[in-house]
Amino acid sequence: MGQELTQANETLLEFERLIQSGGCNAWEGALRTGVDLGTANIVLAVVDEQNRPVAGASYPSTVVRDGIVVDYMGAVRAVTHLKGQLEERLGVMLDAGACAIPPGILEGNVKAIGNVVEAAGFRLTNIVDEPTAASSVLGISDGAVVDVGGGTTGISVLK
């Protein structure tokens, strides 16, 4: 478990560095993009086939509250803008994207979040709750992931 936690922390720190620096890492294979329409921030994360951070972008959110899209067109514009930034930085088109949702939101709100991702030019590949998405990317298979957000909090216990 100690190695798992160390690796997860290193991944998070690398992703933070990529967002702050506006840089990107070399990658192998296909790229995968994750979209998080958060209450505090909208975040796009790009990882390679081994879930290594490649690039990321963030934008302060005013379009989502507690997992509910309150400004659909504003959300589409924000995600489209971040997607364009990352495509320019990487020199490739990002065509497929998955999105993370807060646990416990209603099905109609889940669909709205998926629609934002598609309207921004992504082929929607998956919709998964935020703690599960984090555990997958961070490689945590035994333990707990606590997602404390600007509007909702989710907990996944993994064994």
C-alpha atoms as a PDB file:
ATOM      1  CA  MET A   1       0.000   0.000   0.000  1.00  0.00           C
ATOM      2  CA  GLY A   2       2.879   2.420   0.711  1.00  0.00           C
ATOM      3  CA  GLN A   3       4.226   2.131  -2.842  1.00  0.00           C
ATOM      4  CA  GLU A   4       0.713   2.619  -4.250  1.00  0.00           C
ATOM      5  CA  LEU A   5       0.276   5.820  -2.216  1.00  0.00           C
ATOM      6  CA  THR A   6       3.722   7.119  -3.172  1.00  0.00           C
ATOM      7  CA  GLN A   7       3.007   6.550  -6.875  1.00  0.00           C
ATOM      8  CA  ALA A   8      -0.423   8.202  -6.592  1.00  0.00           C
ATOM      9  CA  ASN A   9       1.101  11.273  -4.922  1.00  0.00           C
ATOM     10  CA  GLU A  10       3.823  11.497  -7.595  1.00  0.00           C
ATOM     11  CA  THR A  11       1.177  11.323 -10.334  1.00  0.00           C
ATOM     12  CA  LEU A  12      -0.854  14.113  -8.712  1.00  0.00           C
ATOM     13  CA  LEU A  13       2.215  16.319  -8.275  1.00  0.00           C
ATOM     14  CA  GLU A  14       3.240  15.766 -11.896  1.00  0.00           C
ATOM     15  CA  PHE A  15      -0.239  16.634 -13.120  1.00  0.00           C
ATOM     16  CA  GLU A  16      -0.239  19.798 -10.975  1.00  0.00           C
ATOM     17  CA  ARG A  17       3.148  20.764 -12.439  1.00  0.00           C
ATOM     18  CA  LEU A  18       1.850  20.273 -15.985  1.00  0.00           C
ATOM     19  CA  ILE A  19      -1.173  22.495 -15.349  1.00  0.00           C
ATOM     20  CA  GLN A  20       0.886  25.235 -13.694  1.00  0.00           C
ATOM     21  CA  SER A  21       3.698  25.200 -16.265  1.00  0.00           C
ATOM     22  CA  GLY A  22       1.518  24.787 -19.340  1.00  0.00           C
ATOM     23  CA  GLY A  23       3.905  22.067 -20.484  1.00  0.00           C
ATOM     24  CA  CYS A  24       3.521  18.521 -21.678  1.00  0.00           C
ATOM     25  CA  ASN A  25       5.351  15.238 -21.281  1.00  0.00           C
ATOM     26  CA  ALA A  26       6.405  12.810 -23.977  1.00  0.00           C
ATOM     27  CA  TRP A  27       4.000   9.908 -24.386  1.00  0.00           C
ATOM     28  CA  GLU A  28       3.672   6.451 -25.823  1.00  0.00           C
ATOM     29  CA  GLY A  29       0.626   5.123 -27.652  1.00  0.00           C
ATOM     30  CA  ALA A  30      -2.822   6.631 -27.755  1.00  0.00           C
ATOM     31  CA  LEU A  31      -3.798   9.562 -25.573  1.00  0.00           C
ATOM     32  CA  ARG A  32      -6.858   9.544 -23.317  1.00  0.00           C
ATOM     33  CA  THR A  33      -8.645  12.658 -22.127  1.00  0.00           C
ATOM     34  CA  GLY A  34     -10.693  13.062 -18.980  1.00  0.00           C
ATOM     35  CA  VAL A  35     -13.057  15.966 -18.361  1.00  0.00           C
ATOM     36  CA  ASP A  36     -14.159  17.086 -14.905  1.00  0.00           C
ATOM     37  CA  LEU A  37     -16.867  19.754 -14.829  1.00  0.00           C
ATOM     38  CA  GLY A  38     -16.334  20.793 -11.253  1.00  0.00           C
ATOM     39  CA  THR A  39     -18.006  23.411  -9.136  1.00  0.00           C
ATOM     40  CA  ALA A  40     -14.680  25.151  -8.486  1.00  0.00           C
ATOM     41  CA  ASN A  41     -12.770  24.294 -11.681  1.00  0.00           C
ATOM     42  CA  ILE A  42     -13.208  22.654 -15.049  1.00  0.00           C
ATOM     43  CA  VAL A  43     -10.250  20.338 -15.603  1.00  0.00           C
ATOM     44  CA  LEU A  44      -9.074  18.432 -18.666  1.00  0.00           C
ATOM     45  CA  ALA A  45      -6.472  15.733 -18.043  1.00  0.00           C
ATOM     46  CA  VAL A  46      -4.555  13.920 -20.769  1.00  0.00           C
ATOM     47  CA  VAL A  47      -2.780  10.647 -19.976  1.00  0.00           C
ATOM     48  CA  ASP A  48      -1.039   8.032 -22.097  1.00  0.00           C
ATOM     49  CA  GLU A  49      -1.848   4.331 -22.312  1.00  0.00           C
ATOM     50  CA  GLN A  50       0.023   3.697 -19.042  1.00  0.00           C
ATOM     51  CA  ASN A  51      -1.983   6.443 -17.248  1.00  0.00           C
ATOM     52  CA  ARG A  52       1.077   8.689 -17.086  1.00  0.00           C
ATOM     53  CA  PRO A  53       0.224  12.412 -17.073  1.00  0.00           C
ATOM     54  CA  VAL A  54       0.895  14.044 -20.450  1.00  0.00           C
ATOM     55  CA  ALA A  55      -0.837  17.431 -20.156  1.00  0.00           C
ATOM     56  CA  GLY A  56      -3.594  19.223 -18.328  1.00  0.00           C
ATOM     57  CA  ALA A  57      -5.548  22.437 -18.300  1.00  0.00           C
ATOM     58  CA  SER A  58      -7.858  24.073 -15.802  1.00  0.00           C
ATOM     59  CA  TYR A  59     -10.336  26.943 -15.855  1.00  0.00           C
ATOM     60  CA  PRO A  60     -12.293  28.502 -12.966  1.00  0.00           C
ATOM     61  CA  SER A  61     -15.872  27.255 -13.122  1.00  0.00           C
ATOM     62  CA  THR A  62     -18.996  29.339 -12.900  1.00  0.00           C
ATOM     63  CA  VAL A  63     -21.107  26.967 -15.007  1.00  0.00           C
ATOM     64  CA  VAL A  64     -21.608  23.992 -12.666  1.00  0.00           C
ATOM     65  CA  ARG A  65     -23.012  23.858  -9.142  1.00  0.00           C
ATOM     66  CA  ASP A  66     -23.006  20.630  -7.125  1.00  0.00           C
ATOM     67  CA  GLY A  67     -22.827  18.446 -10.231  1.00  0.00           C
ATOM     68  CA  ILE A  68     -25.548  20.354 -12.084  1.00  0.00           C
ATOM     69  CA  VAL A  69     -24.741  22.247 -15.287  1.00  0.00           C
ATOM     70  CA  VAL A  70     -26.322  25.679 -14.692  1.00  0.00           C
ATOM     71  CA  ASP A  71     -24.893  27.337 -17.848  1.00  0.00           C
ATOM     72  CA  TYR A  72     -24.807  24.782 -20.665  1.00  0.00           C
ATOM     73  CA  MET A  73     -23.367  27.058 -23.369  1.00  0.00           C
ATOM     74  CA  GLY A  74     -20.788  28.462 -20.961  1.00  0.00           C
ATOM     75  CA  ALA A  75     -19.722  24.923 -20.064  1.00  0.00           C
ATOM     76  CA  VAL A  76     -19.397  23.968 -23.744  1.00  0.00           C
ATOM     77  CA  ARG A  77     -17.325  27.099 -24.441  1.00  0.00           C
ATOM     78  CA  ALA A  78     -15.022  26.418 -21.476  1.00  0.00           C
ATOM     79  CA  VAL A  79     -14.413  22.759 -22.372  1.00  0.00           C
ATOM     80  CA  THR A  80     -13.942  23.636 -26.065  1.00  0.00           C
ATOM     81  CA  HIS A  81     -11.403  26.322 -25.093  1.00  0.00           C
ATOM     82  CA  LEU A  82      -9.422  23.954 -22.842  1.00  0.00           C
ATOM     83  CA  LYS A  83      -9.531  21.228 -25.513  1.00  0.00           C
ATOM     84  CA  GLY A  84      -8.125  23.686 -28.075  1.00  0.00           C
ATOM     85  CA  GLN A  85      -5.336  24.740 -25.705  1.00  0.00           C
ATOM     86  CA  LEU A  86      -4.286  21.141 -25.132  1.00  0.00           C
ATOM     87  CA  GLU A  87      -4.484  20.210 -28.821  1.00  0.00           C
ATOM     88  CA  GLU A  88      -2.236  23.144 -29.702  1.00  0.00           C
ATOM     89  CA  ARG A  89       0.224  22.276 -26.944  1.00  0.00           C
ATOM     90  CA  LEU A  90       0.354  18.588 -27.919  1.00  0.00           C
ATOM     91  CA  GLY A  91       0.149  19.037 -31.678  1.00  0.00           C
ATOM     92  CA  VAL A  92      -2.578  16.375 -31.992  1.00  0.00           C
ATOM     93  CA  MET A  93      -6.353  16.277 -32.068  1.00  0.00           C
ATOM     94  CA  LEU A  94      -8.069  14.988 -28.939  1.00  0.00           C
ATOM     95  CA  ASP A  95     -11.126  13.218 -30.270  1.00  0.00           C
ATOM     96  CA  ALA A  96     -12.240  10.926 -27.440  1.00  0.00           C
ATOM     97  CA  GLY A  97     -12.976  11.916 -23.875  1.00  0.00           C
ATOM     98  CA  ALA A  98     -14.446  10.456 -20.714  1.00  0.00           C
ATOM     99  CA  CYS A  99     -16.022  12.521 -17.981  1.00  0.00           C
ATOM    100  CA  ALA A 100     -16.166  12.261 -14.238  1.00  0.00           C
ATOM    101  CA  ILE A 101     -19.323  13.029 -12.294  1.00  0.00           C
ATOM    102  CA  PRO A 102     -19.963  13.591  -8.621  1.00  0.00           C
ATOM    103  CA  PRO A 103     -21.477  10.514  -6.975  1.00  0.00           C
ATOM    104  CA  GLY A 104     -25.204  10.549  -6.417  1.00  0.00           C
ATOM    105  CA  ILE A 105     -26.320  13.076  -9.031  1.00  0.00           C
ATOM    106  CA  LEU A 106     -29.529  12.425 -10.949  1.00  0.00           C
ATOM    107  CA  GLU A 107     -29.505  10.687 -14.347  1.00  0.00           C
ATOM    108  CA  GLY A 108     -30.681  13.822 -16.194  1.00  0.00           C
ATOM    109  CA  ASN A 109     -27.715  15.763 -14.824  1.00  0.00           C
ATOM    110  CA  VAL A 110     -25.359  12.950 -15.843  1.00  0.00           C
ATOM    111  CA  LYS A 111     -26.722  13.185 -19.388  1.00  0.00           C
ATOM    112  CA  ALA A 112     -26.253  16.974 -19.421  1.00  0.00           C
ATOM    113  CA  ILE A 113     -22.586  16.598 -18.440  1.00  0.00           C
ATOM    114  CA  GLY A 114     -22.078  14.008 -21.180  1.00  0.00           C
ATOM    115  CA  ASN A 115     -23.775  16.338 -23.667  1.00  0.00           C
ATOM    116  CA  VAL A 116     -21.338  19.150 -22.763  1.00  0.00           C
ATOM    117  CA  VAL A 117     -18.375  16.864 -23.456  1.00  0.00           C
ATOM    118  CA  GLU A 118     -19.832  15.818 -26.832  1.00  0.00           C
ATOM    119  CA  ALA A 119     -20.775  19.388 -27.802  1.00  0.00           C
ATOM    120  CA  ALA A 120     -17.154  20.422 -27.128  1.00  0.00           C
ATOM    121  CA  GLY A 121     -16.030  18.030 -29.872  1.00  0.00           C
ATOM    122  CA  PHE A 122     -15.248  14.844 -27.997  1.00  0.00           C
ATOM    123  CA  ARG A 123     -16.604  11.382 -28.735  1.00  0.00           C
ATOM    124  CA  LEU A 124     -17.844  10.423 -25.253  1.00  0.00           C
ATOM    125  CA  THR A 125     -16.188   7.156 -24.215  1.00  0.00           C
ATOM    126  CA  ASN A 126     -17.296   6.807 -20.603  1.00  0.00           C
ATOM    127  CA  ILE A 127     -19.014   8.507 -17.681  1.00  0.00           C
ATOM    128  CA  VAL A 128     -17.763   7.437 -14.264  1.00  0.00           C
ATOM    129  CA  ASP A 129     -18.016   8.812 -10.735  1.00  0.00           C
ATOM    130  CA  GLU A 130     -15.098  10.985  -9.648  1.00  0.00           C
ATOM    131  CA  PRO A 131     -13.603   8.785  -6.886  1.00  0.00           C
ATOM    132  CA  THR A 132     -13.625   5.724  -9.167  1.00  0.00           C
ATOM    133  CA  ALA A 133     -12.029   7.721 -11.987  1.00  0.00           C
ATOM    134  CA  ALA A 134      -9.327   8.973  -9.626  1.00  0.00           C
ATOM    135  CA  SER A 135      -8.566   5.494  -8.289  1.00  0.00           C
ATOM    136  CA  SER A 136      -8.234   4.179 -11.839  1.00  0.00           C
ATOM    137  CA  VAL A 137      -5.826   6.867 -13.029  1.00  0.00           C
ATOM    138  CA  LEU A 138      -3.842   6.858  -9.788  1.00  0.00           C
ATOM    139  CA  GLY A 139      -3.550   3.078  -9.711  1.00  0.00           C
ATOM    140  CA  ILE A 140      -5.161   2.651  -6.307  1.00  0.00           C
ATOM    141  CA  SER A 141      -6.708  -0.782  -5.933  1.00  0.00           C
ATOM    142  CA  ASP A 142      -6.767  -1.251  -2.163  1.00  0.00           C
ATOM    143  CA  GLY A 143      -7.705   1.649   0.074  1.00  0.00           C
ATOM    144  CA  ALA A 144      -9.929   4.699  -0.095  1.00  0.00           C
ATOM    145  CA  VAL A 145     -10.201   7.663  -2.404  1.00  0.00           C
ATOM    146  CA  VAL A 146     -11.861  10.746  -0.959  1.00  0.00           C
ATOM    147  CA  ASP A 147     -12.854  13.451  -3.419  1.00  0.00           C
ATOM    148  CA  VAL A 148     -13.510  16.721  -1.614  1.00  0.00           C
ATOM    149  CA  GLY A 149     -14.908  19.111  -4.175  1.00  0.00           C
ATOM    150  CA  GLY A 150     -16.275  22.612  -4.251  1.00  0.00           C
ATOM    151  CA  GLY A 151     -19.819  21.313  -4.071  1.00  0.00           C
ATOM    152  CA  THR A 152     -19.883  17.560  -3.443  1.00  0.00           C
ATOM    153  CA  THR A 153     -17.756  14.990  -1.670  1.00  0.00           C
ATOM    154  CA  GLY A 154     -17.399  11.374  -2.733  1.00  0.00           C
ATOM    155  CA  ILE A 155     -15.721   8.387  -1.143  1.00  0.00           C
ATOM    156  CA  SER A 156     -14.738   5.111  -2.798  1.00  0.00           C
ATOM    157  CA  VAL A 157     -13.496   2.236  -0.673  1.00  0.00           C
ATOM    158  CA  LEU A 158     -11.492  -0.215  -2.769  1.00  0.00           C
ATOM    159  CA  LYS A 159     -10.498  -3.776  -1.921  1.00  0.00           C
END
